[in-house]
Amino acid sequence: MTGSVRRAAAGLIAAACIASTLSACTPYNAAVGDTQSADDAVAHVMKDCNSLNVAMVGSQDVQADRMAMDALKTGGLKPIYLPVSGTVDAQDTAQQGVKDMTQRMADIIVIAGIDVSGANHDGWYETLDAPRQAGIPVVLLDPISVPTDDTLFAATLKTNDRMTDAKPLADAVAAIANNDPHDREIIVSTVERKTRE
């Protein structure tokens, strides 16, 4: 066997191994990271907040995005922000951001203001299948319209800063990234609450 044939064969074997590894990350009939109870939880090594690779794909509401990013940082996360406001097609830009973060193998992708309707519908389904196949959980923050296929996202997070028992945004994101049990719909807060002594 010549050297180039050996390298080609090795490359094919490596690609097959990667493909089988990624498909093993995709749960049957459930979203990646959609853990409802301790019985459903997959054995895993938890990551500290500061070592989680969090990607946040923004919405057209820059102020809401800023508050969410601040809340993630206050909670000890170091998110990467992909803005979409001011682009020609914000939903198309958001889809490209999800694809980019999937290729970079983020630990979790937070999509703010997703609108899976009209002309965006098919594009979003194709886009959201990529992180699913890669074993990356997707969280929808304050969605406008969600996919009907709930295997494409682990949870929806609705911001309500006036609700005193709302879960801190960073805590909710870290729990989902670490595959801890959580609800499918979570009320979150971007406001840091001080505890009484």
N, C-alpha and C. Protein backbone atom coordinates (compact mmCIF):
# COMPACT_ATOMS: atom_id res chain seq x y z
N MET A 1 0.84 -1.19 0.00
CA MET A 1 0.00 0.00 0.00
C MET A 1 0.88 1.24 0.00
N THR A 2 0.57 2.17 -0.86
CA THR A 2 1.36 3.39 -0.91
C THR A 2 0.99 4.29 0.25
N GLY A 3 1.83 5.27 0.52
CA GLY A 3 1.61 6.20 1.63
C GLY A 3 0.32 6.98 1.49
N SER A 4 0.01 7.43 0.25
CA SER A 4 -1.21 8.22 0.06
C SER A 4 -2.46 7.36 0.26
N VAL A 5 -2.41 6.11 -0.12
CA VAL A 5 -3.56 5.21 0.07
C VAL A 5 -3.76 4.95 1.56
N ARG A 6 -2.64 4.75 2.29
CA ARG A 6 -2.73 4.53 3.74
C ARG A 6 -3.33 5.75 4.43
N ARG A 7 -2.88 6.95 4.04
CA ARG A 7 -3.42 8.17 4.64
C ARG A 7 -4.92 8.32 4.34
N ALA A 8 -5.30 8.01 3.12
CA ALA A 8 -6.72 8.10 2.74
C ALA A 8 -7.55 7.11 3.55
N ALA A 9 -7.04 5.90 3.72
CA ALA A 9 -7.75 4.88 4.50
C ALA A 9 -7.85 5.30 5.96
N ALA A 10 -6.77 5.84 6.48
CA ALA A 10 -6.78 6.31 7.88
C ALA A 10 -7.78 7.45 8.05
N GLY A 11 -7.85 8.33 7.06
CA GLY A 11 -8.80 9.44 7.11
C GLY A 11 -10.23 8.94 7.10
N LEU A 12 -10.52 7.94 6.28
CA LEU A 12 -11.87 7.36 6.24
C LEU A 12 -12.23 6.69 7.56
N ILE A 13 -11.29 5.99 8.13
CA ILE A 13 -11.53 5.34 9.43
C ILE A 13 -11.78 6.38 10.51
N ALA A 14 -10.99 7.46 10.52
CA ALA A 14 -11.18 8.52 11.51
C ALA A 14 -12.55 9.18 11.34
N ALA A 15 -12.94 9.43 10.09
CA ALA A 15 -14.26 10.04 9.85
C ALA A 15 -15.38 9.14 10.33
N ALA A 16 -15.24 7.84 10.10
CA ALA A 16 -16.27 6.89 10.55
C ALA A 16 -16.35 6.86 12.07
N CYS A 17 -15.19 6.93 12.73
CA CYS A 17 -15.18 6.95 14.20
C CYS A 17 -15.85 8.21 14.74
N ILE A 18 -15.56 9.36 14.13
CA ILE A 18 -16.18 10.62 14.57
C ILE A 18 -17.68 10.56 14.35
N ALA A 19 -18.11 10.06 13.20
CA ALA A 19 -19.54 9.98 12.91
C ALA A 19 -20.26 9.07 13.90
N SER A 20 -19.63 7.94 14.24
CA SER A 20 -20.28 7.03 15.19
C SER A 20 -20.30 7.63 16.58
N THR A 21 -19.28 8.40 16.94
CA THR A 21 -19.25 9.06 18.24
C THR A 21 -20.34 10.11 18.34
N LEU A 22 -20.49 10.93 17.29
CA LEU A 22 -21.50 11.98 17.30
C LEU A 22 -22.90 11.41 17.33
N SER A 23 -23.15 10.35 16.57
CA SER A 23 -24.50 9.78 16.56
C SER A 23 -24.83 9.15 17.90
N ALA A 24 -23.81 8.72 18.64
CA ALA A 24 -24.05 8.14 19.97
C ALA A 24 -24.48 9.21 20.96
N CYS A 25 -24.21 10.49 20.65
CA CYS A 25 -24.58 11.59 21.53
C CYS A 25 -26.04 11.99 21.37
N THR A 26 -26.69 11.51 20.32
CA THR A 26 -28.06 11.91 20.02
C THR A 26 -29.03 10.94 20.67
N PRO A 27 -29.80 11.38 21.66
CA PRO A 27 -30.75 10.49 22.31
C PRO A 27 -31.92 10.15 21.38
N TYR A 28 -32.47 8.97 21.56
CA TYR A 28 -33.61 8.56 20.75
C TYR A 28 -34.86 9.26 21.24
N ASN A 29 -35.58 9.89 20.35
CA ASN A 29 -36.89 10.48 20.64
C ASN A 29 -36.87 11.54 21.75
N ALA A 30 -35.76 12.22 21.92
CA ALA A 30 -35.65 13.30 22.91
C ALA A 30 -34.59 14.29 22.44
N ALA A 31 -34.65 15.47 22.98
CA ALA A 31 -33.64 16.48 22.64
C ALA A 31 -32.36 16.22 23.42
N VAL A 32 -31.24 16.65 22.86
CA VAL A 32 -29.97 16.59 23.59
C VAL A 32 -30.10 17.54 24.78
N GLY A 33 -29.80 17.06 25.97
CA GLY A 33 -29.87 17.89 27.17
C GLY A 33 -31.24 17.97 27.80
N ASP A 34 -32.22 17.27 27.24
CA ASP A 34 -33.59 17.30 27.78
C ASP A 34 -33.73 16.22 28.84
N THR A 35 -33.24 16.52 30.02
CA THR A 35 -33.27 15.57 31.13
C THR A 35 -34.37 15.98 32.10
N GLN A 36 -35.40 15.16 32.21
CA GLN A 36 -36.55 15.50 33.04
C GLN A 36 -36.42 15.00 34.48
N SER A 37 -35.65 13.94 34.68
CA SER A 37 -35.50 13.40 36.03
C SER A 37 -34.13 12.78 36.18
N ALA A 38 -33.78 12.48 37.41
CA ALA A 38 -32.46 11.87 37.67
C ALA A 38 -32.35 10.52 36.98
N ASP A 39 -33.48 9.81 36.81
CA ASP A 39 -33.45 8.52 36.13
C ASP A 39 -33.09 8.66 34.66
N ASP A 40 -33.45 9.80 34.06
CA ASP A 40 -33.17 10.04 32.65
C ASP A 40 -31.75 10.52 32.41
N ALA A 41 -31.10 11.02 33.44
CA ALA A 41 -29.79 11.65 33.29
C ALA A 41 -28.76 10.66 32.78
N VAL A 42 -27.96 11.13 31.86
CA VAL A 42 -26.87 10.35 31.31
C VAL A 42 -25.64 10.61 32.19
N ALA A 43 -24.90 9.55 32.51
CA ALA A 43 -23.69 9.73 33.31
C ALA A 43 -22.75 10.68 32.57
N HIS A 44 -22.23 11.65 33.28
CA HIS A 44 -21.38 12.65 32.65
C HIS A 44 -20.48 13.29 33.68
N VAL A 45 -19.46 13.95 33.16
CA VAL A 45 -18.56 14.70 34.02
C VAL A 45 -19.03 16.15 33.97
N MET A 46 -19.40 16.70 35.14
CA MET A 46 -19.88 18.08 35.17
C MET A 46 -18.72 19.04 34.94
N LYS A 47 -19.01 20.11 34.23
CA LYS A 47 -18.01 21.15 34.01
C LYS A 47 -18.32 22.32 34.93
N ASP A 48 -17.27 22.97 35.40
CA ASP A 48 -17.45 24.21 36.14
C ASP A 48 -18.01 25.26 35.20
N CYS A 49 -18.73 26.22 35.77
CA CYS A 49 -19.31 27.30 34.95
C CYS A 49 -18.28 27.96 34.07
N ASN A 50 -17.12 28.26 34.64
CA ASN A 50 -16.13 29.02 33.86
C ASN A 50 -15.44 28.20 32.78
N SER A 51 -15.70 26.88 32.74
CA SER A 51 -15.11 26.07 31.68
C SER A 51 -16.14 25.66 30.62
N LEU A 52 -17.40 26.05 30.81
CA LEU A 52 -18.42 25.76 29.80
C LEU A 52 -18.27 26.69 28.61
N ASN A 53 -18.33 26.14 27.43
CA ASN A 53 -18.26 26.92 26.19
C ASN A 53 -19.70 27.24 25.78
N VAL A 54 -20.21 28.40 26.22
CA VAL A 54 -21.58 28.82 25.96
C VAL A 54 -21.61 29.79 24.79
N ALA A 55 -22.46 29.49 23.81
CA ALA A 55 -22.65 30.39 22.68
C ALA A 55 -24.05 30.96 22.76
N MET A 56 -24.17 32.28 22.65
CA MET A 56 -25.48 32.91 22.63
C MET A 56 -25.67 33.62 21.30
N VAL A 57 -26.67 33.13 20.55
CA VAL A 57 -27.06 33.76 19.30
C VAL A 57 -28.13 34.79 19.64
N GLY A 58 -27.86 36.04 19.34
CA GLY A 58 -28.72 37.14 19.78
C GLY A 58 -30.04 37.25 19.04
N SER A 59 -30.82 38.23 19.49
CA SER A 59 -32.12 38.53 18.91
C SER A 59 -32.07 39.93 18.30
N GLN A 60 -33.21 40.44 17.90
CA GLN A 60 -33.25 41.80 17.39
C GLN A 60 -33.39 42.82 18.51
N ASP A 61 -33.54 42.35 19.75
CA ASP A 61 -33.65 43.22 20.92
C ASP A 61 -32.28 43.30 21.60
N VAL A 62 -31.50 44.29 21.20
CA VAL A 62 -30.12 44.41 21.70
C VAL A 62 -30.08 44.59 23.21
N GLN A 63 -31.03 45.36 23.77
CA GLN A 63 -31.06 45.59 25.22
C GLN A 63 -31.31 44.29 25.98
N ALA A 64 -32.25 43.47 25.50
CA ALA A 64 -32.53 42.18 26.14
C ALA A 64 -31.32 41.26 26.04
N ASP A 65 -30.66 41.28 24.88
CA ASP A 65 -29.45 40.47 24.71
C ASP A 65 -28.36 40.90 25.69
N ARG A 66 -28.20 42.21 25.86
CA ARG A 66 -27.18 42.73 26.77
C ARG A 66 -27.46 42.27 28.21
N MET A 67 -28.73 42.33 28.60
CA MET A 67 -29.09 41.90 29.96
C MET A 67 -28.84 40.40 30.13
N ALA A 68 -29.16 39.62 29.11
CA ALA A 68 -28.92 38.17 29.18
C ALA A 68 -27.43 37.87 29.26
N MET A 69 -26.63 38.55 28.44
CA MET A 69 -25.19 38.34 28.46
C MET A 69 -24.60 38.72 29.82
N ASP A 70 -25.04 39.85 30.37
CA ASP A 70 -24.58 40.26 31.70
C ASP A 70 -24.95 39.22 32.75
N ALA A 71 -26.17 38.68 32.67
CA ALA A 71 -26.61 37.67 33.63
C ALA A 71 -25.78 36.40 33.52
N LEU A 72 -25.45 36.00 32.30
CA LEU A 72 -24.61 34.80 32.11
C LEU A 72 -23.23 35.03 32.70
N LYS A 73 -22.67 36.22 32.47
CA LYS A 73 -21.34 36.53 33.00
C LYS A 73 -21.35 36.64 34.52
N THR A 74 -22.39 37.27 35.06
CA THR A 74 -22.51 37.40 36.53
C THR A 74 -22.59 36.02 37.18
N GLY A 75 -23.22 35.08 36.47
CA GLY A 75 -23.35 33.72 36.99
C GLY A 75 -22.11 32.86 36.80
N GLY A 76 -21.02 33.45 36.32
CA GLY A 76 -19.76 32.72 36.21
C GLY A 76 -19.49 32.11 34.85
N LEU A 77 -20.38 32.31 33.88
CA LEU A 77 -20.17 31.77 32.54
C LEU A 77 -19.39 32.78 31.70
N LYS A 78 -18.78 32.30 30.64
CA LYS A 78 -18.04 33.16 29.71
C LYS A 78 -18.60 32.94 28.31
N PRO A 79 -19.78 33.52 28.05
CA PRO A 79 -20.44 33.26 26.77
C PRO A 79 -19.81 34.01 25.60
N ILE A 80 -19.96 33.43 24.44
CA ILE A 80 -19.61 34.07 23.17
C ILE A 80 -20.92 34.61 22.61
N TYR A 81 -20.93 35.84 22.15
CA TYR A 81 -22.16 36.47 21.66
C TYR A 81 -22.08 36.67 20.15
N LEU A 82 -23.13 36.23 19.47
CA LEU A 82 -23.23 36.42 18.03
C LEU A 82 -24.43 37.32 17.76
N PRO A 83 -24.20 38.61 17.49
CA PRO A 83 -25.32 39.54 17.29
C PRO A 83 -25.99 39.32 15.93
N VAL A 84 -27.30 39.57 15.88
CA VAL A 84 -28.03 39.48 14.62
C VAL A 84 -28.76 40.78 14.31
N SER A 85 -28.87 41.66 15.30
CA SER A 85 -29.59 42.93 15.11
C SER A 85 -28.91 43.78 14.05
N GLY A 86 -29.73 44.37 13.19
CA GLY A 86 -29.19 45.24 12.16
C GLY A 86 -28.78 44.52 10.89
N THR A 87 -28.90 43.19 10.85
CA THR A 87 -28.57 42.45 9.64
C THR A 87 -29.78 42.44 8.71
N VAL A 88 -29.57 42.11 7.45
CA VAL A 88 -30.65 42.10 6.47
C VAL A 88 -31.74 41.09 6.85
N ASP A 89 -31.35 39.90 7.27
CA ASP A 89 -32.30 38.86 7.67
C ASP A 89 -31.80 38.27 8.99
N ALA A 90 -32.36 38.74 10.10
CA ALA A 90 -31.88 38.34 11.42
C ALA A 90 -32.00 36.84 11.65
N GLN A 91 -33.09 36.23 11.18
CA GLN A 91 -33.26 34.79 11.39
C GLN A 91 -32.25 33.99 10.59
N ASP A 92 -31.96 34.43 9.38
CA ASP A 92 -30.95 33.76 8.57
C ASP A 92 -29.56 33.91 9.21
N THR A 93 -29.27 35.10 9.72
CA THR A 93 -28.00 35.34 10.41
C THR A 93 -27.90 34.47 11.66
N ALA A 94 -29.00 34.33 12.39
CA ALA A 94 -29.03 33.48 13.57
C ALA A 94 -28.77 32.02 13.20
N GLN A 95 -29.37 31.58 12.10
CA GLN A 95 -29.14 30.20 11.65
C GLN A 95 -27.66 29.97 11.34
N GLN A 96 -27.04 30.94 10.68
CA GLN A 96 -25.62 30.81 10.37
C GLN A 96 -24.79 30.78 11.65
N GLY A 97 -25.19 31.58 12.65
CA GLY A 97 -24.50 31.56 13.93
C GLY A 97 -24.58 30.21 14.62
N VAL A 98 -25.74 29.57 14.56
CA VAL A 98 -25.91 28.23 15.15
C VAL A 98 -25.01 27.23 14.43
N LYS A 99 -24.96 27.32 13.11
CA LYS A 99 -24.09 26.41 12.34
C LYS A 99 -22.62 26.62 12.72
N ASP A 100 -22.21 27.88 12.83
CA ASP A 100 -20.82 28.18 13.20
C ASP A 100 -20.47 27.62 14.58
N MET A 101 -21.37 27.84 15.55
CA MET A 101 -21.11 27.37 16.91
C MET A 101 -21.17 25.85 17.01
N THR A 102 -21.93 25.21 16.13
CA THR A 102 -21.95 23.75 16.08
C THR A 102 -20.60 23.25 15.60
N GLN A 103 -20.06 23.88 14.57
CA GLN A 103 -18.75 23.48 14.05
C GLN A 103 -17.66 23.71 15.09
N ARG A 104 -17.82 24.74 15.91
CA ARG A 104 -16.83 25.03 16.96
C ARG A 104 -17.03 24.15 18.19
N MET A 105 -18.08 23.32 18.17
CA MET A 105 -18.40 22.38 19.26
C MET A 105 -18.61 23.09 20.59
N ALA A 106 -19.50 24.08 20.60
CA ALA A 106 -19.90 24.71 21.86
C ALA A 106 -20.51 23.66 22.77
N ASP A 107 -20.46 23.88 24.08
CA ASP A 107 -21.09 22.95 25.02
C ASP A 107 -22.61 23.13 25.03
N ILE A 108 -23.08 24.34 24.75
CA ILE A 108 -24.51 24.62 24.70
C ILE A 108 -24.70 25.87 23.83
N ILE A 109 -25.83 25.89 23.10
CA ILE A 109 -26.15 27.04 22.26
C ILE A 109 -27.46 27.62 22.75
N VAL A 110 -27.43 28.90 23.10
CA VAL A 110 -28.63 29.63 23.52
C VAL A 110 -29.05 30.50 22.35
N ILE A 111 -30.30 30.33 21.89
CA ILE A 111 -30.81 31.13 20.77
C ILE A 111 -31.89 32.06 21.31
N ALA A 112 -31.67 33.35 21.20
CA ALA A 112 -32.63 34.33 21.68
C ALA A 112 -33.57 34.75 20.55
N GLY A 113 -34.86 34.84 20.85
CA GLY A 113 -35.83 35.37 19.90
C GLY A 113 -36.01 34.57 18.63
N ILE A 114 -35.89 33.24 18.70
CA ILE A 114 -36.06 32.42 17.50
C ILE A 114 -37.50 32.53 17.00
N ASP A 115 -37.64 32.54 15.68
CA ASP A 115 -38.96 32.61 15.05
C ASP A 115 -39.03 31.54 13.96
N VAL A 116 -39.55 30.38 14.34
CA VAL A 116 -39.64 29.26 13.40
C VAL A 116 -41.01 29.31 12.72
N SER A 117 -41.12 30.20 11.76
CA SER A 117 -42.40 30.35 11.05
C SER A 117 -42.14 30.88 9.65
N GLY A 118 -43.15 30.78 8.81
CA GLY A 118 -43.07 31.32 7.47
C GLY A 118 -41.88 30.79 6.68
N ALA A 119 -41.18 31.70 6.03
CA ALA A 119 -40.06 31.33 5.18
C ALA A 119 -38.89 30.74 5.97
N ASN A 120 -38.83 31.01 7.31
CA ASN A 120 -37.73 30.51 8.15
C ASN A 120 -37.89 29.05 8.53
N HIS A 121 -39.10 28.54 8.43
CA HIS A 121 -39.45 27.24 9.00
C HIS A 121 -38.47 26.12 8.62
N ASP A 122 -38.35 25.83 7.34
CA ASP A 122 -37.51 24.71 6.91
C ASP A 122 -36.03 24.95 7.22
N GLY A 123 -35.59 26.20 7.07
CA GLY A 123 -34.20 26.51 7.38
C GLY A 123 -33.86 26.26 8.83
N TRP A 124 -34.78 26.61 9.73
CA TRP A 124 -34.53 26.38 11.15
C TRP A 124 -34.48 24.90 11.47
N TYR A 125 -35.35 24.10 10.87
CA TYR A 125 -35.32 22.66 11.15
C TYR A 125 -33.99 22.05 10.74
N GLU A 126 -33.51 22.42 9.57
CA GLU A 126 -32.22 21.92 9.10
C GLU A 126 -31.10 22.41 10.01
N THR A 127 -31.16 23.68 10.38
CA THR A 127 -30.12 24.28 11.23
C THR A 127 -30.08 23.61 12.59
N LEU A 128 -31.23 23.40 13.23
CA LEU A 128 -31.28 22.84 14.58
C LEU A 128 -30.93 21.36 14.61
N ASP A 129 -31.03 20.69 13.48
CA ASP A 129 -30.65 19.27 13.45
C ASP A 129 -29.14 19.10 13.57
N ALA A 130 -28.37 20.10 13.13
CA ALA A 130 -26.90 19.99 13.18
C ALA A 130 -26.38 19.88 14.61
N PRO A 131 -26.75 20.79 15.54
CA PRO A 131 -26.27 20.60 16.91
C PRO A 131 -26.82 19.33 17.55
N ARG A 132 -28.03 18.94 17.21
CA ARG A 132 -28.60 17.69 17.73
C ARG A 132 -27.71 16.52 17.35
N GLN A 133 -27.34 16.44 16.08
CA GLN A 133 -26.49 15.34 15.61
C GLN A 133 -25.10 15.41 16.23
N ALA A 134 -24.66 16.62 16.58
CA ALA A 134 -23.33 16.78 17.20
C ALA A 134 -23.36 16.58 18.72
N GLY A 135 -24.55 16.37 19.27
CA GLY A 135 -24.66 16.16 20.72
C GLY A 135 -24.60 17.44 21.53
N ILE A 136 -24.99 18.56 20.93
CA ILE A 136 -24.94 19.86 21.60
C ILE A 136 -26.36 20.28 21.98
N PRO A 137 -26.63 20.54 23.27
CA PRO A 137 -27.97 21.00 23.63
C PRO A 137 -28.24 22.42 23.15
N VAL A 138 -29.49 22.66 22.77
CA VAL A 138 -29.94 23.96 22.32
C VAL A 138 -31.03 24.45 23.26
N VAL A 139 -30.92 25.71 23.67
CA VAL A 139 -31.90 26.34 24.54
C VAL A 139 -32.48 27.54 23.81
N LEU A 140 -33.81 27.71 23.90
CA LEU A 140 -34.48 28.83 23.25
C LEU A 140 -34.87 29.86 24.30
N LEU A 141 -34.27 31.05 24.20
CA LEU A 141 -34.51 32.12 25.16
C LEU A 141 -35.53 33.10 24.58
N ASP A 142 -36.64 33.26 25.29
CA ASP A 142 -37.71 34.16 24.86
C ASP A 142 -38.05 33.98 23.38
N PRO A 143 -38.42 32.74 23.00
CA PRO A 143 -38.73 32.49 21.59
C PRO A 143 -40.00 33.19 21.13
N ILE A 144 -40.03 33.54 19.86
CA ILE A 144 -41.23 34.10 19.24
C ILE A 144 -42.12 32.94 18.79
N SER A 145 -41.50 31.96 18.13
CA SER A 145 -42.20 30.77 17.66
C SER A 145 -41.20 29.61 17.70
N VAL A 146 -41.62 28.48 18.29
CA VAL A 146 -40.72 27.34 18.48
C VAL A 146 -41.02 26.23 17.47
N PRO A 147 -40.05 25.34 17.22
CA PRO A 147 -40.31 24.20 16.35
C PRO A 147 -41.34 23.27 16.99
N THR A 148 -42.16 22.64 16.18
CA THR A 148 -43.10 21.64 16.72
C THR A 148 -42.36 20.36 17.08
N ASP A 149 -41.20 20.13 16.50
CA ASP A 149 -40.38 18.96 16.83
C ASP A 149 -39.55 19.29 18.07
N ASP A 150 -40.01 18.79 19.24
CA ASP A 150 -39.32 19.16 20.48
C ASP A 150 -38.05 18.36 20.73
N THR A 151 -37.62 17.54 19.76
CA THR A 151 -36.32 16.88 19.89
C THR A 151 -35.19 17.81 19.44
N LEU A 152 -35.55 19.00 18.93
CA LEU A 152 -34.55 19.93 18.42
C LEU A 152 -34.06 20.93 19.45
N PHE A 153 -34.69 20.96 20.64
CA PHE A 153 -34.25 21.89 21.69
C PHE A 153 -34.53 21.29 23.06
N ALA A 154 -33.64 21.59 24.00
CA ALA A 154 -33.72 20.99 25.34
C ALA A 154 -34.74 21.69 26.23
N ALA A 155 -34.92 23.01 26.05
CA ALA A 155 -35.84 23.76 26.91
C ALA A 155 -36.08 25.13 26.33
N THR A 156 -37.18 25.74 26.76
CA THR A 156 -37.42 27.15 26.47
C THR A 156 -37.28 27.92 27.78
N LEU A 157 -36.63 29.05 27.71
CA LEU A 157 -36.43 29.91 28.87
C LEU A 157 -37.19 31.20 28.64
N LYS A 158 -38.05 31.55 29.57
CA LYS A 158 -38.84 32.78 29.47
C LYS A 158 -38.36 33.73 30.55
N THR A 159 -37.93 34.91 30.16
CA THR A 159 -37.42 35.89 31.11
C THR A 159 -38.57 36.61 31.81
N ASN A 160 -38.49 36.61 33.15
CA ASN A 160 -39.44 37.37 33.97
C ASN A 160 -38.67 37.87 35.18
N ASP A 161 -38.13 39.09 35.08
CA ASP A 161 -37.29 39.64 36.13
C ASP A 161 -38.07 40.07 37.37
N ARG A 162 -39.39 40.13 37.27
CA ARG A 162 -40.21 40.52 38.43
C ARG A 162 -40.57 39.31 39.30
N MET A 163 -40.44 38.12 38.77
CA MET A 163 -40.81 36.92 39.50
C MET A 163 -39.68 36.56 40.48
N THR A 164 -39.98 36.58 41.78
CA THR A 164 -38.93 36.40 42.79
C THR A 164 -38.35 34.99 42.80
N ASP A 165 -39.12 34.00 42.35
CA ASP A 165 -38.58 32.64 42.36
C ASP A 165 -38.10 32.18 40.98
N ALA A 166 -37.91 33.13 40.07
CA ALA A 166 -37.36 32.79 38.76
C ALA A 166 -35.92 32.31 38.94
N LYS A 167 -35.53 31.34 38.14
CA LYS A 167 -34.18 30.77 38.23
C LYS A 167 -33.19 31.71 37.54
N PRO A 168 -32.05 31.97 38.15
CA PRO A 168 -31.04 32.79 37.47
C PRO A 168 -30.69 32.17 36.10
N LEU A 169 -30.61 33.00 35.09
CA LEU A 169 -30.37 32.53 33.73
C LEU A 169 -29.13 31.64 33.65
N ALA A 170 -28.04 32.06 34.27
CA ALA A 170 -26.80 31.29 34.21
C ALA A 170 -26.96 29.91 34.84
N ASP A 171 -27.72 29.82 35.93
CA ASP A 171 -27.95 28.52 36.59
C ASP A 171 -28.72 27.58 35.68
N ALA A 172 -29.75 28.12 35.00
CA ALA A 172 -30.55 27.28 34.10
C ALA A 172 -29.70 26.78 32.93
N VAL A 173 -28.91 27.66 32.34
CA VAL A 173 -28.07 27.27 31.21
C VAL A 173 -27.02 26.24 31.63
N ALA A 174 -26.38 26.46 32.77
CA ALA A 174 -25.36 25.51 33.25
C ALA A 174 -25.98 24.15 33.56
N ALA A 175 -27.17 24.13 34.14
CA ALA A 175 -27.84 22.86 34.47
C ALA A 175 -28.12 22.07 33.19
N ILE A 176 -28.61 22.75 32.17
CA ILE A 176 -28.91 22.06 30.91
C ILE A 176 -27.63 21.59 30.24
N ALA A 177 -26.59 22.42 30.24
CA ALA A 177 -25.31 22.04 29.63
C ALA A 177 -24.72 20.82 30.33
N ASN A 178 -24.92 20.73 31.65
CA ASN A 178 -24.37 19.62 32.43
C ASN A 178 -25.33 18.44 32.51
N ASN A 179 -26.45 18.50 31.75
CA ASN A 179 -27.41 17.41 31.68
C ASN A 179 -28.06 17.09 33.02
N ASP A 180 -28.26 18.13 33.83
CA ASP A 180 -28.96 17.96 35.11
C ASP A 180 -30.46 18.00 34.87
N PRO A 181 -31.25 17.34 35.70
CA PRO A 181 -32.71 17.36 35.52
C PRO A 181 -33.26 18.79 35.54
N HIS A 182 -34.18 19.07 34.62
CA HIS A 182 -34.77 20.40 34.52
C HIS A 182 -36.12 20.30 33.83
N ASP A 183 -36.92 21.35 33.97
CA ASP A 183 -38.20 21.42 33.27
C ASP A 183 -37.97 21.77 31.81
N ARG A 184 -38.98 21.50 30.98
CA ARG A 184 -38.90 21.88 29.56
C ARG A 184 -39.11 23.38 29.40
N GLU A 185 -39.90 23.98 30.28
CA GLU A 185 -40.12 25.42 30.26
C GLU A 185 -39.67 25.98 31.60
N ILE A 186 -38.75 26.93 31.55
CA ILE A 186 -38.16 27.47 32.78
C ILE A 186 -38.31 28.99 32.77
N ILE A 187 -38.83 29.53 33.87
CA ILE A 187 -38.88 30.99 34.03
C ILE A 187 -37.52 31.41 34.59
N VAL A 188 -36.87 32.34 33.91
CA VAL A 188 -35.53 32.77 34.32
C VAL A 188 -35.50 34.26 34.58
N SER A 189 -34.47 34.67 35.30
CA SER A 189 -34.26 36.09 35.61
C SER A 189 -32.87 36.50 35.16
N THR A 190 -32.78 37.73 34.65
CA THR A 190 -31.48 38.29 34.28
C THR A 190 -30.99 39.27 35.35
N VAL A 191 -31.76 39.39 36.44
CA VAL A 191 -31.43 40.32 37.51
C VAL A 191 -30.78 39.56 38.66
N GLU A 192 -29.64 40.07 39.11
CA GLU A 192 -28.97 39.45 40.25
C GLU A 192 -29.72 39.82 41.53
N ARG A 193 -30.14 38.82 42.27
CA ARG A 193 -30.90 39.06 43.50
C ARG A 193 -29.98 38.92 44.69
N LYS A 194 -30.03 39.90 45.57
CA LYS A 194 -29.21 39.86 46.80
C LYS A 194 -30.00 39.09 47.88
N THR A 195 -29.29 38.24 48.57
CA THR A 195 -29.94 37.48 49.64
C THR A 195 -29.84 38.26 50.94
N ARG A 196 -30.87 38.13 51.76
CA ARG A 196 -30.84 38.82 53.06
C ARG A 196 -29.98 38.03 54.03
N GLU A 197 -29.26 38.74 54.87
CA GLU A 197 -28.40 38.08 55.83
C GLU A 197 -29.13 37.92 57.15
